[in-house]
Amino acid sequence: TLRPVVVGFGPCGIFAALVLAQMGCKPIVLERGTQVRER
C-alpha cells in the first residue's frame, strides 16, 4: 500500500506526520525548504 504523503512541515505538517507515524503509517514528508538550522 502506498505510504501517505504530507506536503509541508510547519506546525500542521509536523503533527500530521507525527501522529501518522505513531499509528504506524510511515508518512513521507515533502518540505520545500531546508532543515531548521540551515534555514
Full PDB file with SEQRES, HELIX, SHEET, SSBOND, CRYST1, ORIGX, SCALE, CONECT and MASTER records, all heavy atoms in Angstrom:
SEQRES   1 A   39  THR LEU ARG PRO VAL VAL VAL GLY PHE GLY PRO CYS GLY          
SEQRES   2 A   39  ILE PHE ALA ALA LEU VAL LEU ALA GLN MET GLY CYS LYS          
SEQRES   3 A   39  PRO ILE VAL LEU GLU ARG GLY THR GLN VAL ARG GLU ARG          
HELIX    1 AA1 PRO A   11  GLN A   22  1                                  12    
SHEET    1 AA1 2 VAL A   5  VAL A   7  0                                        
SHEET    2 AA1 2 ILE A  28  LEU A  30  1                                        
CRYST1    1.000    1.000    1.000  90.00  90.00  90.00 P 1           1          
ORIGX1      1.000000  0.000000  0.000000        0.00000                         
ORIGX2      0.000000  1.000000  0.000000        0.00000                         
ORIGX3      0.000000  0.000000  1.000000        0.00000                         
SCALE1      1.000000  0.000000  0.000000        0.00000                         
SCALE2      0.000000  1.000000  0.000000        0.00000                         
SCALE3      0.000000  0.000000  1.000000        0.00000                         
ATOM      1  N   THR A   1       0.853  -1.194   0.000  1.00  0.00           N  
ATOM      2  CA  THR A   1       0.000   0.000   0.000  1.00  0.00           C  
ATOM      3  C   THR A   1       0.884   1.238   0.000  1.00  0.00           C  
ATOM      4  O   THR A   1       1.895   1.298   0.720  1.00  0.00           O  
ATOM      5  CB  THR A   1      -0.908   0.018   1.248  1.00  0.00           C  
ATOM      6  OG1 THR A   1      -1.762  -1.137   1.210  1.00  0.00           O  
ATOM      7  CG2 THR A   1      -1.770   1.269   1.286  1.00  0.00           C  
ATOM      8  N   LEU A   2       0.532   2.230  -0.800  1.00  0.00           N  
ATOM      9  CA  LEU A   2       1.319   3.466  -0.861  1.00  0.00           C  
ATOM     10  C   LEU A   2       1.286   4.182   0.486  1.00  0.00           C  
ATOM     11  O   LEU A   2       0.248   4.255   1.154  1.00  0.00           O  
ATOM     12  CB  LEU A   2       0.753   4.392  -1.939  1.00  0.00           C  
ATOM     13  CG  LEU A   2       0.908   3.915  -3.390  1.00  0.00           C  
ATOM     14  CD1 LEU A   2       0.141   4.840  -4.331  1.00  0.00           C  
ATOM     15  CD2 LEU A   2       2.384   3.873  -3.776  1.00  0.00           C  
ATOM     16  N   ARG A   3       2.424   4.710   0.874  1.00  0.00           N  
ATOM     17  CA  ARG A   3       2.510   5.459   2.126  1.00  0.00           C  
ATOM     18  C   ARG A   3       1.843   6.832   1.979  1.00  0.00           C  
ATOM     19  O   ARG A   3       1.842   7.414   0.884  1.00  0.00           O  
ATOM     20  CB  ARG A   3       3.980   5.631   2.525  1.00  0.00           C  
ATOM     21  CG  ARG A   3       4.670   4.317   2.827  1.00  0.00           C  
ATOM     22  CD  ARG A   3       6.177   4.425   2.703  1.00  0.00           C  
ATOM     23  NE  ARG A   3       6.749   5.305   3.710  1.00  0.00           N  
ATOM     24  CZ  ARG A   3       8.054   5.594   3.767  1.00  0.00           C  
ATOM     25  NH1 ARG A   3       8.894   5.087   2.868  1.00  0.00           N  
ATOM     26  NH2 ARG A   3       8.508   6.401   4.712  1.00  0.00           N  
ATOM     27  N   PRO A   4       1.288   7.379   3.048  1.00  0.00           N  
ATOM     28  CA  PRO A   4       0.700   8.715   2.960  1.00  0.00           C  
ATOM     29  C   PRO A   4       1.779   9.775   2.765  1.00  0.00           C  
ATOM     30  O   PRO A   4       2.908   9.620   3.257  1.00  0.00           O  
ATOM     31  CB  PRO A   4      -0.009   8.885   4.305  1.00  0.00           C  
ATOM     32  CG  PRO A   4       0.717   7.976   5.239  1.00  0.00           C  
ATOM     33  CD  PRO A   4       1.153   6.806   4.400  1.00  0.00           C  
ATOM     34  N   VAL A   5       1.429  10.833   2.049  1.00  0.00           N  
ATOM     35  CA  VAL A   5       2.364  11.922   1.780  1.00  0.00           C  
ATOM     36  C   VAL A   5       1.841  13.192   2.467  1.00  0.00           C  
ATOM     37  O   VAL A   5       0.654  13.517   2.363  1.00  0.00           O  
ATOM     38  CB  VAL A   5       2.505  12.166   0.264  1.00  0.00           C  
ATOM     39  CG1 VAL A   5       3.347  13.409  -0.015  1.00  0.00           C  
ATOM     40  CG2 VAL A   5       3.127  10.942  -0.401  1.00  0.00           C  
ATOM     41  N   VAL A   6       2.728  13.876   3.147  1.00  0.00           N  
ATOM     42  CA  VAL A   6       2.406  15.158   3.775  1.00  0.00           C  
ATOM     43  C   VAL A   6       3.224  16.233   3.077  1.00  0.00           C  
ATOM     44  O   VAL A   6       4.456  16.138   3.021  1.00  0.00           O  
ATOM     45  CB  VAL A   6       2.727  15.150   5.287  1.00  0.00           C  
ATOM     46  CG1 VAL A   6       2.396  16.502   5.915  1.00  0.00           C  
ATOM     47  CG2 VAL A   6       1.955  14.036   5.998  1.00  0.00           C  
ATOM     48  N   VAL A   7       2.555  17.245   2.544  1.00  0.00           N  
ATOM     49  CA  VAL A   7       3.243  18.343   1.864  1.00  0.00           C  
ATOM     50  C   VAL A   7       3.330  19.522   2.821  1.00  0.00           C  
ATOM     51  O   VAL A   7       2.330  20.149   3.148  1.00  0.00           O  
ATOM     52  CB  VAL A   7       2.504  18.755   0.577  1.00  0.00           C  
ATOM     53  CG1 VAL A   7       3.280  19.864  -0.143  1.00  0.00           C  
ATOM     54  CG2 VAL A   7       2.319  17.556  -0.343  1.00  0.00           C  
ATOM     55  N   GLY A   8       4.546  19.805   3.289  1.00  0.00           N  
ATOM     56  CA  GLY A   8       4.772  20.895   4.232  1.00  0.00           C  
ATOM     57  C   GLY A   8       5.087  20.379   5.618  1.00  0.00           C  
ATOM     58  O   GLY A   8       4.459  19.423   6.101  1.00  0.00           O  
ATOM     59  N   PHE A   9       6.074  21.012   6.282  1.00  0.00           N  
ATOM     60  CA  PHE A   9       6.484  20.564   7.611  1.00  0.00           C  
ATOM     61  C   PHE A   9       6.489  21.724   8.595  1.00  0.00           C  
ATOM     62  O   PHE A   9       7.411  21.911   9.373  1.00  0.00           O  
ATOM     63  CB  PHE A   9       7.858  19.892   7.542  1.00  0.00           C  
ATOM     64  CG  PHE A   9       8.124  18.934   8.677  1.00  0.00           C  
ATOM     65  CD1 PHE A   9       7.277  17.878   8.934  1.00  0.00           C  
ATOM     66  CD2 PHE A   9       9.232  19.101   9.493  1.00  0.00           C  
ATOM     67  CE1 PHE A   9       7.526  16.995   9.978  1.00  0.00           C  
ATOM     68  CE2 PHE A   9       9.504  18.227  10.543  1.00  0.00           C  
ATOM     69  CZ  PHE A   9       8.647  17.176  10.784  1.00  0.00           C  
ATOM     70  N   GLY A  10       5.412  22.526   8.537  1.00  0.00           N  
ATOM     71  CA  GLY A  10       5.152  23.501   9.578  1.00  0.00           C  
ATOM     72  C   GLY A  10       4.390  22.835  10.709  1.00  0.00           C  
ATOM     73  O   GLY A  10       4.317  21.597  10.773  1.00  0.00           O  
ATOM     74  N   PRO A  11       3.788  23.607  11.615  1.00  0.00           N  
ATOM     75  CA  PRO A  11       3.082  23.002  12.756  1.00  0.00           C  
ATOM     76  C   PRO A  11       2.041  21.965  12.353  1.00  0.00           C  
ATOM     77  O   PRO A  11       1.956  20.898  12.958  1.00  0.00           O  
ATOM     78  CB  PRO A  11       2.445  24.205  13.444  1.00  0.00           C  
ATOM     79  CG  PRO A  11       3.344  25.343  13.111  1.00  0.00           C  
ATOM     80  CD  PRO A  11       3.824  25.077  11.716  1.00  0.00           C  
ATOM     81  N   CYS A  12       1.262  22.248  11.320  1.00  0.00           N  
ATOM     82  CA  CYS A  12       0.248  21.293  10.874  1.00  0.00           C  
ATOM     83  C   CYS A  12       0.901  20.035  10.322  1.00  0.00           C  
ATOM     84  O   CYS A  12       0.527  18.913  10.685  1.00  0.00           O  
ATOM     85  CB  CYS A  12      -0.647  21.949   9.824  1.00  0.00           C  
ATOM     86  SG  CYS A  12      -1.927  20.850   9.176  1.00  0.00           S  
ATOM     87  N   GLY A  13       1.880  20.198   9.432  1.00  0.00           N  
ATOM     88  CA  GLY A  13       2.550  19.046   8.850  1.00  0.00           C  
ATOM     89  C   GLY A  13       3.313  18.222   9.862  1.00  0.00           C  
ATOM     90  O   GLY A  13       3.362  16.988   9.774  1.00  0.00           O  
ATOM     91  N   ILE A  14       3.925  18.899  10.835  1.00  0.00           N  
ATOM     92  CA  ILE A  14       4.661  18.186  11.889  1.00  0.00           C  
ATOM     93  C   ILE A  14       3.737  17.236  12.639  1.00  0.00           C  
ATOM     94  O   ILE A  14       4.059  16.058  12.848  1.00  0.00           O  
ATOM     95  CB  ILE A  14       5.314  19.186  12.866  1.00  0.00           C  
ATOM     96  CG1 ILE A  14       6.516  19.860  12.205  1.00  0.00           C  
ATOM     97  CG2 ILE A  14       5.734  18.488  14.152  1.00  0.00           C  
ATOM     98  CD1 ILE A  14       7.114  20.983  13.039  1.00  0.00           C  
ATOM     99  N   PHE A  15       2.565  17.751  13.051  1.00  0.00           N  
ATOM    100  CA  PHE A  15       1.670  16.902  13.842  1.00  0.00           C  
ATOM    101  C   PHE A  15       0.940  15.882  12.989  1.00  0.00           C  
ATOM    102  O   PHE A  15       0.669  14.765  13.467  1.00  0.00           O  
ATOM    103  CB  PHE A  15       0.704  17.771  14.649  1.00  0.00           C  
ATOM    104  CG  PHE A  15       1.335  18.298  15.899  1.00  0.00           C  
ATOM    105  CD1 PHE A  15       1.944  19.530  15.917  1.00  0.00           C  
ATOM    106  CD2 PHE A  15       1.374  17.530  17.048  1.00  0.00           C  
ATOM    107  CE1 PHE A  15       2.564  20.010  17.060  1.00  0.00           C  
ATOM    108  CE2 PHE A  15       1.990  17.983  18.198  1.00  0.00           C  
ATOM    109  CZ  PHE A  15       2.590  19.235  18.207  1.00  0.00           C  
ATOM    110  N   ALA A  16       0.634  16.221  11.743  1.00  0.00           N  
ATOM    111  CA  ALA A  16       0.049  15.215  10.863  1.00  0.00           C  
ATOM    112  C   ALA A  16       1.020  14.059  10.672  1.00  0.00           C  
ATOM    113  O   ALA A  16       0.643  12.878  10.784  1.00  0.00           O  
ATOM    114  CB  ALA A  16      -0.311  15.844   9.519  1.00  0.00           C  
ATOM    115  N   ALA A  17       2.282  14.375  10.389  1.00  0.00           N  
ATOM    116  CA  ALA A  17       3.287  13.334  10.170  1.00  0.00           C  
ATOM    117  C   ALA A  17       3.572  12.548  11.445  1.00  0.00           C  
ATOM    118  O   ALA A  17       3.695  11.316  11.415  1.00  0.00           O  
ATOM    119  CB  ALA A  17       4.570  13.970   9.643  1.00  0.00           C  
ATOM    120  N   LEU A  18       3.679  13.256  12.564  1.00  0.00           N  
ATOM    121  CA  LEU A  18       3.999  12.590  13.824  1.00  0.00           C  
ATOM    122  C   LEU A  18       2.904  11.605  14.218  1.00  0.00           C  
ATOM    123  O   LEU A  18       3.188  10.445  14.577  1.00  0.00           O  
ATOM    124  CB  LEU A  18       4.192  13.621  14.926  1.00  0.00           C  
ATOM    125  CG  LEU A  18       4.497  13.086  16.319  1.00  0.00           C  
ATOM    126  CD1 LEU A  18       5.811  12.317  16.322  1.00  0.00           C  
ATOM    127  CD2 LEU A  18       4.548  14.223  17.340  1.00  0.00           C  
ATOM    128  N   VAL A  19       1.650  12.029  14.141  1.00  0.00           N  
ATOM    129  CA  VAL A  19       0.553  11.137  14.535  1.00  0.00           C  
ATOM    130  C   VAL A  19       0.409   9.978  13.556  1.00  0.00           C  
ATOM    131  O   VAL A  19       0.165   8.838  13.967  1.00  0.00           O  
ATOM    132  CB  VAL A  19      -0.763  11.938  14.666  1.00  0.00           C  
ATOM    133  CG1 VAL A  19      -1.960  11.014  14.836  1.00  0.00           C  
ATOM    134  CG2 VAL A  19      -0.678  12.886  15.860  1.00  0.00           C  
ATOM    135  N   LEU A  20       0.587  10.244  12.272  1.00  0.00           N  
ATOM    136  CA  LEU A  20       0.594   9.136  11.310  1.00  0.00           C  
ATOM    137  C   LEU A  20       1.704   8.140  11.649  1.00  0.00           C  
ATOM    138  O   LEU A  20       1.495   6.914  11.612  1.00  0.00           O  
ATOM    139  CB  LEU A  20       0.788   9.670   9.897  1.00  0.00           C  
ATOM    140  CG  LEU A  20      -0.433  10.318   9.228  1.00  0.00           C  
ATOM    141  CD1 LEU A  20      -0.021  11.005   7.934  1.00  0.00           C  
ATOM    142  CD2 LEU A  20      -1.521   9.277   8.954  1.00  0.00           C  
ATOM    143  N   ALA A  21       2.876   8.654  11.974  1.00  0.00           N  
ATOM    144  CA  ALA A  21       4.000   7.772  12.325  1.00  0.00           C  
ATOM    145  C   ALA A  21       3.695   6.994  13.604  1.00  0.00           C  
ATOM    146  O   ALA A  21       4.011   5.799  13.702  1.00  0.00           O  
ATOM    147  CB  ALA A  21       5.271   8.589  12.483  1.00  0.00           C  
ATOM    148  N   GLN A  22       3.087   7.657  14.574  1.00  0.00           N  
ATOM    149  CA  GLN A  22       2.754   6.986  15.831  1.00  0.00           C  
ATOM    150  C   GLN A  22       1.720   5.880  15.621  1.00  0.00           C  
ATOM    151  O   GLN A  22       1.664   4.930  16.397  1.00  0.00           O  
ATOM    152  CB  GLN A  22       2.261   8.007  16.851  1.00  0.00           C  
ATOM    153  CG  GLN A  22       3.365   8.923  17.360  1.00  0.00           C  
ATOM    154  CD  GLN A  22       2.850  10.078  18.208  1.00  0.00           C  
ATOM    155  OE1 GLN A  22       1.661  10.436  18.155  1.00  0.00           O  
ATOM    156  NE2 GLN A  22       3.727  10.677  19.000  1.00  0.00           N  
ATOM    157  N   MET A  23       0.910   6.002  14.573  1.00  0.00           N  
ATOM    158  CA  MET A  23      -0.065   4.956  14.240  1.00  0.00           C  
ATOM    159  C   MET A  23       0.516   3.908  13.292  1.00  0.00           C  
ATOM    160  O   MET A  23      -0.186   3.004  12.865  1.00  0.00           O  
ATOM    161  CB  MET A  23      -1.326   5.588  13.639  1.00  0.00           C  
ATOM    162  CG  MET A  23      -2.147   6.375  14.644  1.00  0.00           C  
ATOM    163  SD  MET A  23      -3.760   6.937  14.002  1.00  0.00           S  
ATOM    164  CE  MET A  23      -3.248   8.272  12.927  1.00  0.00           C  
ATOM    165  N   GLY A  24       1.798   4.070  12.923  1.00  0.00           N  
ATOM    166  CA  GLY A  24       2.457   3.087  12.078  1.00  0.00           C  
ATOM    167  C   GLY A  24       2.297   3.296  10.592  1.00  0.00           C  
ATOM    168  O   GLY A  24       2.596   2.393   9.797  1.00  0.00           O  
ATOM    169  N   CYS A  25       1.883   4.512  10.172  1.00  0.00           N  
ATOM    170  CA  CYS A  25       1.588   4.753   8.756  1.00  0.00           C  
ATOM    171  C   CYS A  25       2.796   5.177   7.929  1.00  0.00           C  
ATOM    172  O   CYS A  25       2.684   5.361   6.716  1.00  0.00           O  
ATOM    173  CB  CYS A  25       0.484   5.806   8.632  1.00  0.00           C  
ATOM    174  SG  CYS A  25      -1.130   5.235   9.174  1.00  0.00           S  
ATOM    175  N   LYS A  26       3.945   5.407   8.565  1.00  0.00           N  
ATOM    176  CA  LYS A  26       5.213   5.678   7.871  1.00  0.00           C  
ATOM    177  C   LYS A  26       5.090   6.772   6.790  1.00  0.00           C  
ATOM    178  O   LYS A  26       5.338   6.526   5.603  1.00  0.00           O  
ATOM    179  CB  LYS A  26       5.769   4.395   7.255  1.00  0.00           C  
ATOM    180  CG  LYS A  26       5.987   3.263   8.252  1.00  0.00           C  
ATOM    181  CD  LYS A  26       6.589   2.044   7.597  1.00  0.00           C  
ATOM    182  CE  LYS A  26       6.704   0.876   8.569  1.00  0.00           C  
ATOM    183  NZ  LYS A  26       7.542   1.172   9.741  1.00  0.00           N  
ATOM    184  N   PRO A  27       4.723   7.977   7.174  1.00  0.00           N  
ATOM    185  CA  PRO A  27       4.485   9.036   6.186  1.00  0.00           C  
ATOM    186  C   PRO A  27       5.764   9.490   5.489  1.00  0.00           C  
ATOM    187  O   PRO A  27       6.866   9.382   6.030  1.00  0.00           O  
ATOM    188  CB  PRO A  27       3.907  10.171   7.029  1.00  0.00           C  
ATOM    189  CG  PRO A  27       4.517   9.969   8.379  1.00  0.00           C  
ATOM    190  CD  PRO A  27       4.554   8.468   8.550  1.00  0.00           C  
ATOM    191  N   ILE A  28       5.589  10.013   4.281  1.00  0.00           N  
ATOM    192  CA  ILE A  28       6.662  10.700   3.559  1.00  0.00           C  
ATOM    193  C   ILE A  28       6.317  12.184   3.564  1.00  0.00           C  
ATOM    194  O   ILE A  28       5.244  12.587   3.113  1.00  0.00           O  
ATOM    195  CB  ILE A  28       6.777  10.201   2.111  1.00  0.00           C  
ATOM    196  CG1 ILE A  28       7.130   8.713   2.089  1.00  0.00           C  
ATOM    197  CG2 ILE A  28       7.811  11.010   1.338  1.00  0.00           C  
ATOM    198  CD1 ILE A  28       7.061   8.103   0.700  1.00  0.00           C  
ATOM    199  N   VAL A  29       7.215  13.009   4.090  1.00  0.00           N  
ATOM    200  CA  VAL A  29       7.000  14.449   4.158  1.00  0.00           C  
ATOM    201  C   VAL A  29       7.828  15.132   3.079  1.00  0.00           C  
ATOM    202  O   VAL A  29       9.035  14.866   2.957  1.00  0.00           O  
ATOM    203  CB  VAL A  29       7.368  15.017   5.546  1.00  0.00           C  
ATOM    204  CG1 VAL A  29       7.185  16.539   5.575  1.00  0.00           C  
ATOM    205  CG2 VAL A  29       6.524  14.358   6.637  1.00  0.00           C  
ATOM    206  N   LEU A  30       7.196  16.001   2.317  1.00  0.00           N  
ATOM    207  CA  LEU A  30       7.887  16.810   1.315  1.00  0.00           C  
ATOM    208  C   LEU A  30       7.904  18.251   1.786  1.00  0.00           C  
ATOM    209  O   LEU A  30       6.851  18.889   1.911  1.00  0.00           O  
ATOM    210  CB  LEU A  30       7.176  16.702  -0.036  1.00  0.00           C  
ATOM    211  CG  LEU A  30       6.986  15.284  -0.593  1.00  0.00           C  
ATOM    212  CD1 LEU A  30       6.168  15.331  -1.882  1.00  0.00           C  
ATOM    213  CD2 LEU A  30       8.336  14.617  -0.849  1.00  0.00           C  
ATOM    214  N   GLU A  31       9.078  18.786   2.084  1.00  0.00           N  
ATOM    215  CA  GLU A  31       9.224  20.168   2.547  1.00  0.00           C  
ATOM    216  C   GLU A  31      10.118  20.917   1.571  1.00  0.00           C  
ATOM    217  O   GLU A  31      11.244  20.508   1.313  1.00  0.00           O  
ATOM    218  CB  GLU A  31       9.828  20.196   3.955  1.00  0.00           C  
ATOM    219  CG  GLU A  31      10.284  21.558   4.441  1.00  0.00           C  
ATOM    220  CD  GLU A  31       9.206  22.630   4.358  1.00  0.00           C  
ATOM    221  OE1 GLU A  31       8.111  22.414   4.922  1.00  0.00           O  
ATOM    222  OE2 GLU A  31       9.460  23.675   3.718  1.00  0.00           O  
ATOM    223  N   ARG A  32       9.608  22.019   1.030  1.00  0.00           N  
ATOM    224  CA  ARG A  32      10.358  22.760   0.010  1.00  0.00           C  
ATOM    225  C   ARG A  32      11.595  23.447   0.573  1.00  0.00           C  
ATOM    226  O   ARG A  32      12.560  23.701  -0.144  1.00  0.00           O  
ATOM    227  CB  ARG A  32       9.444  23.789  -0.656  1.00  0.00           C  
ATOM    228  CG  ARG A  32       9.026  24.916   0.276  1.00  0.00           C  
ATOM    229  CD  ARG A  32       7.960  25.799  -0.355  1.00  0.00           C  
ATOM    230  NE  ARG A  32       8.446  26.500  -1.532  1.00  0.00           N  
ATOM    231  CZ  ARG A  32       7.651  27.152  -2.379  1.00  0.00           C  
ATOM    232  NH1 ARG A  32       6.348  27.163  -2.182  1.00  0.00           N  
ATOM    233  NH2 ARG A  32       8.161  27.780  -3.409  1.00  0.00           N  
ATOM    234  N   GLY A  33      11.579  23.767   1.853  1.00  0.00           N  
ATOM    235  CA  GLY A  33      12.699  24.459   2.469  1.00  0.00           C  
ATOM    236  C   GLY A  33      13.748  23.518   3.031  1.00  0.00           C  
ATOM    237  O   GLY A  33      13.761  22.322   2.751  1.00  0.00           O  
ATOM    238  N   THR A  34      14.623  24.091   3.846  1.00  0.00           N  
ATOM    239  CA  THR A  34      15.762  23.343   4.380  1.00  0.00           C  
ATOM    240  C   THR A  34      15.542  22.997   5.849  1.00  0.00           C  
ATOM    241  O   THR A  34      14.568  23.425   6.472  1.00  0.00           O  
ATOM    242  CB  THR A  34      17.048  24.177   4.249  1.00  0.00           C  
ATOM    243  OG1 THR A  34      16.843  25.444   4.897  1.00  0.00           O  
ATOM    244  CG2 THR A  34      17.387  24.419   2.795  1.00  0.00           C  
ATOM    245  N   GLN A  35      16.478  22.203   6.406  1.00  0.00           N  
ATOM    246  CA  GLN A  35      16.429  21.880   7.825  1.00  0.00           C  
ATOM    247  C   GLN A  35      16.595  23.151   8.661  1.00  0.00           C  
ATOM    248  O   GLN A  35      17.171  24.134   8.212  1.00  0.00           O  
ATOM    249  CB  GLN A  35      17.500  20.861   8.181  1.00  0.00           C  
ATOM    250  CG  GLN A  35      17.253  19.502   7.563  1.00  0.00           C  
ATOM    251  CD  GLN A  35      18.158  18.424   8.131  1.00  0.00           C  
ATOM    252  OE1 GLN A  35      18.697  18.559   9.231  1.00  0.00           O  
ATOM    253  NE2 GLN A  35      18.319  17.347   7.375  1.00  0.00           N  
ATOM    254  N   VAL A  36      16.108  23.097   9.886  1.00  0.00           N  
ATOM    255  CA  VAL A  36      15.877  24.320  10.643  1.00  0.00           C  
ATOM    256  C   VAL A  36      17.142  25.136  10.897  1.00  0.00           C  
ATOM    257  O   VAL A  36      17.109  26.371  10.853  1.00  0.00           O  
ATOM    258  CB  VAL A  36      15.133  24.000  11.958  1.00  0.00           C  
ATOM    259  CG1 VAL A  36      16.012  23.202  12.923  1.00  0.00           C  
ATOM    260  CG2 VAL A  36      14.610  25.269  12.611  1.00  0.00           C  
ATOM    261  N   ARG A  37      18.279  24.505  11.119  1.00  0.00           N  
ATOM    262  CA  ARG A  37      19.477  25.286  11.407  1.00  0.00           C  
ATOM    263  C   ARG A  37      20.033  25.948  10.147  1.00  0.00           C  
ATOM    264  O   ARG A  37      20.492  27.095  10.186  1.00  0.00           O  
ATOM    265  CB  ARG A  37      20.515  24.423  12.115  1.00  0.00           C  
ATOM    266  CG  ARG A  37      20.025  23.979  13.488  1.00  0.00           C  
ATOM    267  CD  ARG A  37      21.076  23.339  14.340  1.00  0.00           C  
ATOM    268  NE  ARG A  37      20.468  22.885  15.590  1.00  0.00           N  
ATOM    269  CZ  ARG A  37      20.333  23.626  16.689  1.00  0.00           C  
ATOM    270  NH1 ARG A  37      20.786  24.868  16.687  1.00  0.00           N  
ATOM    271  NH2 ARG A  37      19.759  23.139  17.775  1.00  0.00           N  
ATOM    272  N   GLU A  38      19.994  25.229   9.031  1.00  0.00           N  
ATOM    273  CA  GLU A  38      20.377  25.842   7.764  1.00  0.00           C  
ATOM    274  C   GLU A  38      19.392  26.957   7.412  1.00  0.00           C  
ATOM    275  O   GLU A  38      19.779  28.021   6.930  1.00  0.00           O  
ATOM    276  CB  GLU A  38      20.398  24.792   6.659  1.00  0.00           C  
ATOM    277  CG  GLU A  38      20.793  25.338   5.293  1.00  0.00           C  
ATOM    278  CD  GLU A  38      20.773  24.281   4.217  1.00  0.00           C  
ATOM    279  OE1 GLU A  38      20.724  23.075   4.554  1.00  0.00           O  
ATOM    280  OE2 GLU A  38      20.784  24.656   3.018  1.00  0.00           O  
ATOM    281  N   ARG A  39      18.123  26.680   7.667  1.00  0.00           N  
ATOM    282  CA  ARG A  39      17.088  27.670   7.398  1.00  0.00           C  
ATOM    283  C   ARG A  39      17.285  28.927   8.237  1.00  0.00           C  
ATOM    284  O   ARG A  39      17.057  30.053   7.778  1.00  0.00           O  
ATOM    285  CB  ARG A  39      15.724  27.045   7.706  1.00  0.00           C  
ATOM    286  CG  ARG A  39      14.562  27.978   7.530  1.00  0.00           C  
ATOM    287  CD  ARG A  39      13.318  27.357   8.117  1.00  0.00           C  
ATOM    288  NE  ARG A  39      12.218  28.299   8.018  1.00  0.00           N  
ATOM    289  CZ  ARG A  39      11.145  28.249   8.775  1.00  0.00           C  
ATOM    290  NH1 ARG A  39      11.011  27.301   9.679  1.00  0.00           N  
ATOM    291  NH2 ARG A  39      10.183  29.140   8.635  1.00  0.00           N  
TER     292      ARG A  39                                                      
MASTER        0    0    0    1    2    0    0    6  291    1    0    3          
END                                                                             
